[in-house]
Amino acid sequence: MFVSFPALWVTAAFGGVQLARLADLQPMKSAMFTQKTAEIADLQAEMVARFGPGDYVPSEVWTRGGALLMLLAFALMMYFSLAGVVLACFRKAVERFRLWHVVLMAAVPLPYLAMISGWVFREAGRQPWVVYGLLKTEDAVSGHSPATMLTSLIVFTVLFAALAVLNGRLLLRHARLGPVETGLGQDERAAAEPVPASASAGSGGPAGPPPPFTPRY
């Protein structure tokens, strides 16, 4: 908690510096983000005069929606981390405040939500440009057919979804073991296998737990 709070503000400061320069580097995106309708119309007319007929206004839903979602995620992280710093100063809260622990676990997706929504804001707000004012998206795409692109999208989507499900199952499996029994290299099967009666009788006493698995490198 003591690291996440200042790290959050350092990250936000870098983003704020870039956002401040947005009006100079990508004025249409900046106008869409701030909902300046008159400026959007002026920029559209200016780009038509410079680059020819076309729609130079990005999607408001994706551009502004992505930016607002990113800022909302940042605000939630800020409040959670600030409260976390205060609570982390008290030993009883660290050891026994279960509600705080649950909230922290529930907040794990927030950084990913902020990154993805920020990426949507960056990419969608730049359209129809790949390189703003120099290269349009329609001129930069490869010559593959729509069927090929759709197939590629489906394959990668299914693959990443399967990896996400597998990762979730592995995390849940280790979480059920508790914080102590999750050491790497431990053979979980050894603890579950019953001790043969002959081994117990030959030892001259009750069978103890199996020796821990020691990886060799």
Protein backbone atom coordinates (compact mmCIF):
# COMPACT_ATOMS: atom_id res chain seq x y z
CA MET A 1 0.00 0.00 0.00
CA PHE A 2 2.84 2.39 0.79
CA VAL A 3 4.26 1.84 -2.71
CA SER A 4 1.02 1.89 -4.69
CA PHE A 5 -0.11 5.33 -3.55
CA PRO A 6 2.94 7.34 -4.76
CA ALA A 7 3.30 5.09 -7.82
CA LEU A 8 -0.28 5.91 -8.79
CA TRP A 9 0.44 9.63 -8.68
CA VAL A 10 3.66 9.30 -10.67
CA THR A 11 1.76 7.42 -13.39
CA ALA A 12 -1.04 10.00 -13.37
CA ALA A 13 1.49 12.85 -13.61
CA PHE A 14 3.01 11.37 -16.78
CA GLY A 15 -0.48 10.97 -18.25
CA GLY A 16 -1.40 14.52 -17.30
CA VAL A 17 1.66 15.90 -19.12
CA GLN A 18 0.66 14.06 -22.28
CA LEU A 19 -2.96 15.16 -21.95
CA ALA A 20 -1.87 18.79 -21.65
CA ARG A 21 -0.10 18.58 -25.03
CA LEU A 22 -3.05 16.88 -26.73
CA ALA A 23 -4.54 20.15 -27.99
CA ASP A 24 -1.35 20.88 -29.96
CA LEU A 25 -0.57 17.39 -31.26
CA GLN A 26 -4.08 16.01 -31.92
CA PRO A 27 -6.54 18.90 -31.72
CA MET A 28 -9.55 16.92 -32.97
CA LYS A 29 -9.17 14.36 -30.18
CA SER A 30 -8.81 17.15 -27.63
CA ALA A 31 -11.93 18.90 -28.92
CA MET A 32 -13.90 15.65 -28.80
CA PHE A 33 -12.72 14.96 -25.24
CA THR A 34 -13.77 18.42 -24.05
CA GLN A 35 -16.98 18.39 -26.17
CA LYS A 36 -16.20 21.65 -27.99
CA THR A 37 -18.73 21.38 -30.80
CA ALA A 38 -17.76 24.59 -32.58
CA GLU A 39 -14.07 23.66 -32.55
CA ILE A 40 -14.88 20.19 -33.91
CA ALA A 41 -16.75 21.74 -36.84
CA ASP A 42 -13.89 24.16 -37.56
CA LEU A 43 -11.31 21.35 -37.47
CA GLN A 44 -13.44 19.20 -39.77
CA ALA A 45 -13.67 22.02 -42.32
CA GLU A 46 -9.94 22.71 -42.03
CA MET A 47 -8.99 19.06 -42.63
CA VAL A 48 -11.33 18.78 -45.60
CA ALA A 49 -9.61 21.80 -47.13
CA ARG A 50 -6.13 20.33 -46.45
CA PHE A 51 -6.61 16.62 -47.11
CA GLY A 52 -9.71 16.36 -49.26
CA PRO A 53 -13.28 15.15 -48.60
CA GLY A 54 -13.82 12.78 -45.71
CA ASP A 55 -15.03 12.38 -42.15
CA TYR A 56 -12.25 13.50 -39.81
CA VAL A 57 -14.34 13.39 -36.62
CA PRO A 58 -13.63 10.34 -34.39
CA SER A 59 -16.34 8.39 -32.61
CA GLU A 60 -17.58 10.29 -29.58
CA VAL A 61 -18.73 7.10 -27.84
CA TRP A 62 -15.33 5.40 -28.03
CA THR A 63 -13.19 8.51 -27.61
CA ARG A 64 -14.97 10.28 -24.80
CA GLY A 65 -16.28 7.07 -23.26
CA GLY A 66 -12.78 5.59 -23.08
CA ALA A 67 -11.39 8.75 -21.51
CA LEU A 68 -14.14 8.97 -18.88
CA LEU A 69 -13.78 5.30 -17.98
CA MET A 70 -10.02 5.75 -17.61
CA LEU A 71 -10.50 8.75 -15.30
CA LEU A 72 -13.14 6.90 -13.28
CA ALA A 73 -10.79 3.96 -12.77
CA PHE A 74 -8.05 6.36 -11.68
CA ALA A 75 -10.37 8.07 -9.20
CA LEU A 76 -11.36 4.75 -7.63
CA MET A 77 -7.73 3.66 -7.37
CA MET A 78 -6.84 6.98 -5.78
CA TYR A 79 -9.54 6.69 -3.09
CA PHE A 80 -8.77 3.02 -2.40
CA SER A 81 -5.03 3.57 -2.17
CA LEU A 82 -5.41 6.61 0.08
CA ALA A 83 -7.69 4.69 2.44
CA GLY A 84 -5.29 1.76 2.22
CA VAL A 85 -2.31 3.86 3.31
CA VAL A 86 -4.23 5.04 6.37
CA LEU A 87 -5.45 1.54 7.30
CA ALA A 88 -2.01 0.00 6.71
CA CYS A 89 -0.69 2.09 9.60
CA PHE A 90 -2.78 0.03 12.04
CA ARG A 91 -1.72 -3.54 12.73
CA LYS A 92 -5.21 -4.71 13.70
CA ALA A 93 -6.62 -3.46 10.39
CA VAL A 94 -3.90 -5.25 8.45
CA GLU A 95 -4.56 -8.53 10.23
CA ARG A 96 -8.31 -8.46 10.91
CA PHE A 97 -10.17 -5.93 8.74
CA ARG A 98 -11.63 -8.48 6.34
CA LEU A 99 -13.83 -5.99 4.46
CA TRP A 100 -10.76 -3.99 3.51
CA HIS A 101 -9.04 -7.14 2.26
CA VAL A 102 -12.06 -8.04 0.12
CA VAL A 103 -12.22 -4.53 -1.36
CA LEU A 104 -8.53 -4.64 -2.23
CA MET A 105 -8.97 -7.96 -4.04
CA ALA A 106 -12.03 -6.62 -5.86
CA ALA A 107 -9.99 -3.59 -6.96
CA VAL A 108 -7.36 -5.70 -8.75
CA PRO A 109 -9.03 -5.22 -12.21
CA LEU A 110 -8.98 -1.41 -11.90
CA PRO A 111 -5.43 -0.87 -13.29
CA TYR A 112 -6.24 -3.13 -16.26
CA LEU A 113 -9.50 -1.26 -16.84
CA ALA A 114 -7.62 2.05 -16.78
CA MET A 115 -4.99 0.79 -19.23
CA ILE A 116 -7.48 -0.68 -21.71
CA SER A 117 -9.85 2.30 -21.63
CA GLY A 118 -6.89 4.66 -22.01
CA TRP A 119 -5.73 2.65 -25.02
CA VAL A 120 -9.23 2.91 -26.55
CA PHE A 121 -9.19 6.68 -25.98
CA ARG A 122 -5.78 6.97 -27.63
CA GLU A 123 -6.52 4.81 -30.66
CA ALA A 124 -10.16 5.71 -31.32
CA GLY A 125 -9.58 9.43 -30.80
CA ARG A 126 -6.84 9.49 -33.46
CA GLN A 127 -9.07 8.15 -36.23
CA PRO A 128 -9.10 8.35 -39.20
CA TRP A 129 -5.33 8.69 -38.81
CA VAL A 130 -2.60 6.15 -38.09
CA VAL A 131 -0.06 8.98 -38.05
CA TYR A 132 -2.00 12.14 -37.28
CA GLY A 133 -2.14 14.44 -40.30
CA LEU A 134 0.21 12.24 -42.35
CA LEU A 135 -1.15 8.72 -42.92
CA LYS A 136 -4.78 7.61 -42.88
CA THR A 137 -5.91 4.26 -41.52
CA GLU A 138 -7.47 3.28 -44.84
CA ASP A 139 -4.07 3.75 -46.52
CA ALA A 140 -2.13 1.81 -43.88
CA VAL A 141 -4.15 -1.40 -43.62
CA SER A 142 -2.83 -4.58 -45.23
CA GLY A 143 -4.36 -6.07 -48.33
CA HIS A 144 -5.95 -9.10 -46.62
CA SER A 145 -9.55 -10.01 -47.33
CA PRO A 146 -12.25 -9.36 -44.72
CA ALA A 147 -12.67 -13.13 -44.26
CA THR A 148 -8.98 -13.54 -43.42
CA MET A 149 -9.07 -10.70 -40.91
CA LEU A 150 -12.25 -12.07 -39.31
CA THR A 151 -10.73 -15.55 -39.03
CA SER A 152 -7.60 -14.14 -37.40
CA LEU A 153 -9.68 -12.13 -34.94
CA ILE A 154 -11.79 -15.17 -33.99
CA VAL A 155 -8.75 -17.43 -33.52
CA PHE A 156 -6.90 -14.97 -31.30
CA THR A 157 -10.05 -14.15 -29.31
CA VAL A 158 -10.74 -17.83 -28.60
CA LEU A 159 -7.08 -18.45 -27.73
CA PHE A 160 -6.85 -15.56 -25.27
CA ALA A 161 -10.23 -16.46 -23.76
CA ALA A 162 -9.02 -20.03 -23.17
CA LEU A 163 -5.81 -18.74 -21.56
CA ALA A 164 -7.82 -16.41 -19.33
CA VAL A 165 -10.06 -19.27 -18.17
CA LEU A 166 -7.05 -21.51 -17.51
CA ASN A 167 -5.31 -18.73 -15.57
CA GLY A 168 -8.43 -18.17 -13.49
CA ARG A 169 -8.73 -21.87 -12.66
CA LEU A 170 -5.09 -22.07 -11.60
CA LEU A 171 -5.43 -18.97 -9.41
CA LEU A 172 -8.57 -20.35 -7.79
CA ARG A 173 -6.91 -23.71 -7.22
CA HIS A 174 -3.95 -22.17 -5.41
CA ALA A 175 -6.15 -19.75 -3.49
CA ARG A 176 -8.06 -22.68 -2.02
CA LEU A 177 -4.81 -24.14 -0.69
CA GLY A 178 -4.35 -21.13 1.54
CA PRO A 179 -1.38 -18.80 1.97
CA VAL A 180 0.93 -21.51 3.40
CA GLU A 181 0.48 -24.48 1.07
CA THR A 182 1.25 -22.71 -2.19
CA GLY A 183 5.03 -23.13 -2.31
CA LEU A 184 6.45 -23.67 -5.77
CA GLY A 185 7.80 -27.17 -6.36
CA GLN A 186 5.56 -28.83 -3.79
CA ASP A 187 4.08 -32.15 -4.89
CA GLU A 188 0.40 -31.92 -3.97
CA ARG A 189 -0.18 -35.57 -4.86
CA ALA A 190 2.15 -36.82 -2.12
CA ALA A 191 -0.04 -35.35 0.62
CA ALA A 192 -3.19 -36.85 -0.88
CA GLU A 193 -1.88 -40.43 -1.34
CA PRO A 194 -2.60 -42.86 1.58
CA VAL A 195 0.38 -44.48 3.29
CA PRO A 196 0.55 -48.27 2.58
CA ALA A 197 -0.05 -50.49 5.62
CA SER A 198 3.19 -52.42 5.03
CA ALA A 199 5.22 -49.23 5.15
CA SER A 200 3.54 -48.20 8.38
CA ALA A 201 4.10 -51.60 10.04
CA GLY A 202 7.71 -51.86 8.97
CA SER A 203 8.63 -48.53 10.42
CA GLY A 204 7.87 -49.61 13.97
CA GLY A 205 5.69 -46.60 14.66
CA PRO A 206 3.03 -44.34 13.17
CA ALA A 207 3.77 -43.11 9.71
CA GLY A 208 4.68 -39.48 9.55
CA PRO A 209 3.91 -37.03 6.77
CA PRO A 210 5.64 -37.63 3.45
CA PRO A 211 8.87 -35.72 2.93
CA PRO A 212 8.49 -32.48 0.97
CA PHE A 213 9.33 -32.54 -2.69
CA THR A 214 12.71 -30.98 -3.33
CA PRO A 215 13.31 -29.82 -6.91
CA ARG A 216 16.76 -30.51 -8.31
CA TYR A 217 18.39 -28.19 -10.77
